Amino acid sequence: MPTAYRLGMSDETADFIRQAHPEIKTKIKSSLEIILSNPHSGKSLKGELTGLKSFRTGRFGIIYKISLKQIINIVAVGPRSIIYDITYKLLKKQL
């Protein structure tokens, strides 16, 4: 059964995933499949990151936003230790 949601991400994020170590790439891709099948499986973020969700995959985190047009926009993928800082900087740059 095809999913009602589609993924969207920046070229930088796609390149990061493409160039990741094969083991990490596999974990990220399987996590993206989980997010696609159940977009609300991630943790809702608070504060300045309200409206975004975080999904944990090993030592990495995936930050995403669900749009009204059935698109899951991947905002950032990176080490959990710095993923929130990366996301905050990306959002500030967009303003």
C-alpha atoms as a PDB file:
ATOM      1  CA  MET A   1       0.000   0.000   0.000  1.00  0.00           C
ATOM      2  CA  PRO A   2       1.585   3.325  -1.019  1.00  0.00           C
ATOM      3  CA  THR A   3       2.143   5.871   1.715  1.00  0.00           C
ATOM      4  CA  ALA A   4       0.181   9.104   1.666  1.00  0.00           C
ATOM      5  CA  TYR A   5       3.315  11.054   2.613  1.00  0.00           C
ATOM      6  CA  ARG A   6       6.370  11.996   0.578  1.00  0.00           C
ATOM      7  CA  LEU A   7       9.841  13.026   1.710  1.00  0.00           C
ATOM      8  CA  GLY A   8      11.410  16.372   0.985  1.00  0.00           C
ATOM      9  CA  MET A   9      14.941  17.450   1.878  1.00  0.00           C
ATOM     10  CA  SER A  10      17.655  19.855   0.860  1.00  0.00           C
ATOM     11  CA  ASP A  11      20.454  18.822  -1.480  1.00  0.00           C
ATOM     12  CA  GLU A  12      22.896  19.168   1.437  1.00  0.00           C
ATOM     13  CA  THR A  13      20.909  16.720   3.554  1.00  0.00           C
ATOM     14  CA  ALA A  14      20.595  14.246   0.672  1.00  0.00           C
ATOM     15  CA  ASP A  15      24.366  14.505   0.052  1.00  0.00           C
ATOM     16  CA  PHE A  16      25.074  13.934   3.748  1.00  0.00           C
ATOM     17  CA  ILE A  17      23.007  10.737   3.722  1.00  0.00           C
ATOM     18  CA  ARG A  18      24.531   9.585   0.429  1.00  0.00           C
ATOM     19  CA  GLN A  19      28.082  10.067   1.731  1.00  0.00           C
ATOM     20  CA  ALA A  20      27.477   8.539   5.168  1.00  0.00           C
ATOM     21  CA  HIS A  21      29.116   5.294   6.250  1.00  0.00           C
ATOM     22  CA  PRO A  22      27.073   2.351   4.855  1.00  0.00           C
ATOM     23  CA  GLU A  23      25.994   1.219   8.334  1.00  0.00           C
ATOM     24  CA  ILE A  24      24.797   4.718   9.262  1.00  0.00           C
ATOM     25  CA  LYS A  25      23.148   5.176   5.854  1.00  0.00           C
ATOM     26  CA  THR A  26      21.170   1.947   6.368  1.00  0.00           C
ATOM     27  CA  LYS A  27      19.970   3.103   9.805  1.00  0.00           C
ATOM     28  CA  ILE A  28      18.976   6.530   8.481  1.00  0.00           C
ATOM     29  CA  LYS A  29      17.091   5.047   5.507  1.00  0.00           C
ATOM     30  CA  SER A  30      15.179   2.580   7.693  1.00  0.00           C
ATOM     31  CA  SER A  31      14.315   5.421  10.083  1.00  0.00           C
ATOM     32  CA  LEU A  32      13.046   7.505   7.158  1.00  0.00           C
ATOM     33  CA  GLU A  33      10.799   4.590   6.173  1.00  0.00           C
ATOM     34  CA  ILE A  34       9.398   4.465   9.720  1.00  0.00           C
ATOM     35  CA  ILE A  35       8.790   8.234   9.652  1.00  0.00           C
ATOM     36  CA  LEU A  36       7.043   7.927   6.263  1.00  0.00           C
ATOM     37  CA  SER A  37       4.753   5.158   7.495  1.00  0.00           C
ATOM     38  CA  ASN A  38       4.027   6.931  10.805  1.00  0.00           C
ATOM     39  CA  PRO A  39       4.925  10.647  10.665  1.00  0.00           C
ATOM     40  CA  HIS A  40       3.933  11.183  14.285  1.00  0.00           C
ATOM     41  CA  SER A  41       6.414   8.589  15.582  1.00  0.00           C
ATOM     42  CA  GLY A  42       8.977  11.298  16.364  1.00  0.00           C
ATOM     43  CA  LYS A  43       9.149  13.359  19.518  1.00  0.00           C
ATOM     44  CA  SER A  44       7.571  16.823  19.300  1.00  0.00           C
ATOM     45  CA  LEU A  45      10.112  19.541  20.004  1.00  0.00           C
ATOM     46  CA  LYS A  46       9.519  22.594  22.180  1.00  0.00           C
ATOM     47  CA  GLY A  47      10.741  26.137  22.544  1.00  0.00           C
ATOM     48  CA  GLU A  48      12.286  27.687  19.450  1.00  0.00           C
ATOM     49  CA  LEU A  49      11.970  24.343  17.645  1.00  0.00           C
ATOM     50  CA  THR A  50       8.200  24.029  18.174  1.00  0.00           C
ATOM     51  CA  GLY A  51       6.507  22.530  15.131  1.00  0.00           C
ATOM     52  CA  LEU A  52       9.394  20.158  14.442  1.00  0.00           C
ATOM     53  CA  LYS A  53       9.786  16.512  15.371  1.00  0.00           C
ATOM     54  CA  SER A  54      12.873  14.537  16.302  1.00  0.00           C
ATOM     55  CA  PHE A  55      13.455  10.865  15.517  1.00  0.00           C
ATOM     56  CA  ARG A  56      16.328   8.984  17.107  1.00  0.00           C
ATOM     57  CA  THR A  57      18.373   6.521  15.074  1.00  0.00           C
ATOM     58  CA  GLY A  58      21.357   5.220  16.981  1.00  0.00           C
ATOM     59  CA  ARG A  59      23.834   8.049  17.572  1.00  0.00           C
ATOM     60  CA  PHE A  60      22.115  10.164  14.936  1.00  0.00           C
ATOM     61  CA  GLY A  61      18.965  12.246  14.984  1.00  0.00           C
ATOM     62  CA  ILE A  62      16.555  13.229  12.234  1.00  0.00           C
ATOM     63  CA  ILE A  63      14.715  16.525  12.599  1.00  0.00           C
ATOM     64  CA  TYR A  64      11.642  16.915  10.411  1.00  0.00           C
ATOM     65  CA  LYS A  65       8.449  18.853   9.880  1.00  0.00           C
ATOM     66  CA  ILE A  66       5.132  17.530   8.608  1.00  0.00           C
ATOM     67  CA  SER A  67       3.555  19.880   6.054  1.00  0.00           C
ATOM     68  CA  LEU A  68      -0.137  20.222   5.302  1.00  0.00           C
ATOM     69  CA  LYS A  69       0.534  18.934   1.779  1.00  0.00           C
ATOM     70  CA  GLN A  70       1.440  15.426   3.018  1.00  0.00           C
ATOM     71  CA  ILE A  71       5.169  16.141   2.706  1.00  0.00           C
ATOM     72  CA  ILE A  72       7.634  15.303   5.448  1.00  0.00           C
ATOM     73  CA  ASN A  73      10.408  17.862   5.176  1.00  0.00           C
ATOM     74  CA  ILE A  74      13.689  16.606   6.589  1.00  0.00           C
ATOM     75  CA  VAL A  75      15.267  19.669   8.183  1.00  0.00           C
ATOM     76  CA  ALA A  76      18.505  18.118   9.443  1.00  0.00           C
ATOM     77  CA  VAL A  77      20.264  14.800   9.971  1.00  0.00           C
ATOM     78  CA  GLY A  78      23.312  14.537  12.187  1.00  0.00           C
ATOM     79  CA  PRO A  79      24.907  13.391  15.431  1.00  0.00           C
ATOM     80  CA  ARG A  80      22.447  13.634  18.313  1.00  0.00           C
ATOM     81  CA  SER A  81      25.021  15.527  20.379  1.00  0.00           C
ATOM     82  CA  ILE A  82      24.797  18.551  18.045  1.00  0.00           C
ATOM     83  CA  ILE A  83      21.639  18.045  15.962  1.00  0.00           C
ATOM     84  CA  TYR A  84      19.599  20.665  17.837  1.00  0.00           C
ATOM     85  CA  ASP A  85      22.351  23.292  17.399  1.00  0.00           C
ATOM     86  CA  ILE A  86      22.552  22.459  13.683  1.00  0.00           C
ATOM     87  CA  THR A  87      18.767  22.741  13.338  1.00  0.00           C
ATOM     88  CA  TYR A  88      18.632  26.039  15.207  1.00  0.00           C
ATOM     89  CA  LYS A  89      21.367  27.520  12.966  1.00  0.00           C
ATOM     90  CA  LEU A  90      19.617  26.290   9.809  1.00  0.00           C
ATOM     91  CA  LEU A  91      16.352  27.866  10.890  1.00  0.00           C
ATOM     92  CA  LYS A  92      18.052  31.169  11.749  1.00  0.00           C
ATOM     93  CA  LYS A  93      19.713  31.190   8.314  1.00  0.00           C
ATOM     94  CA  GLN A  94      16.331  30.757   6.598  1.00  0.00           C
ATOM     95  CA  LEU A  95      14.889  33.876   8.258  1.00  0.00           C
END
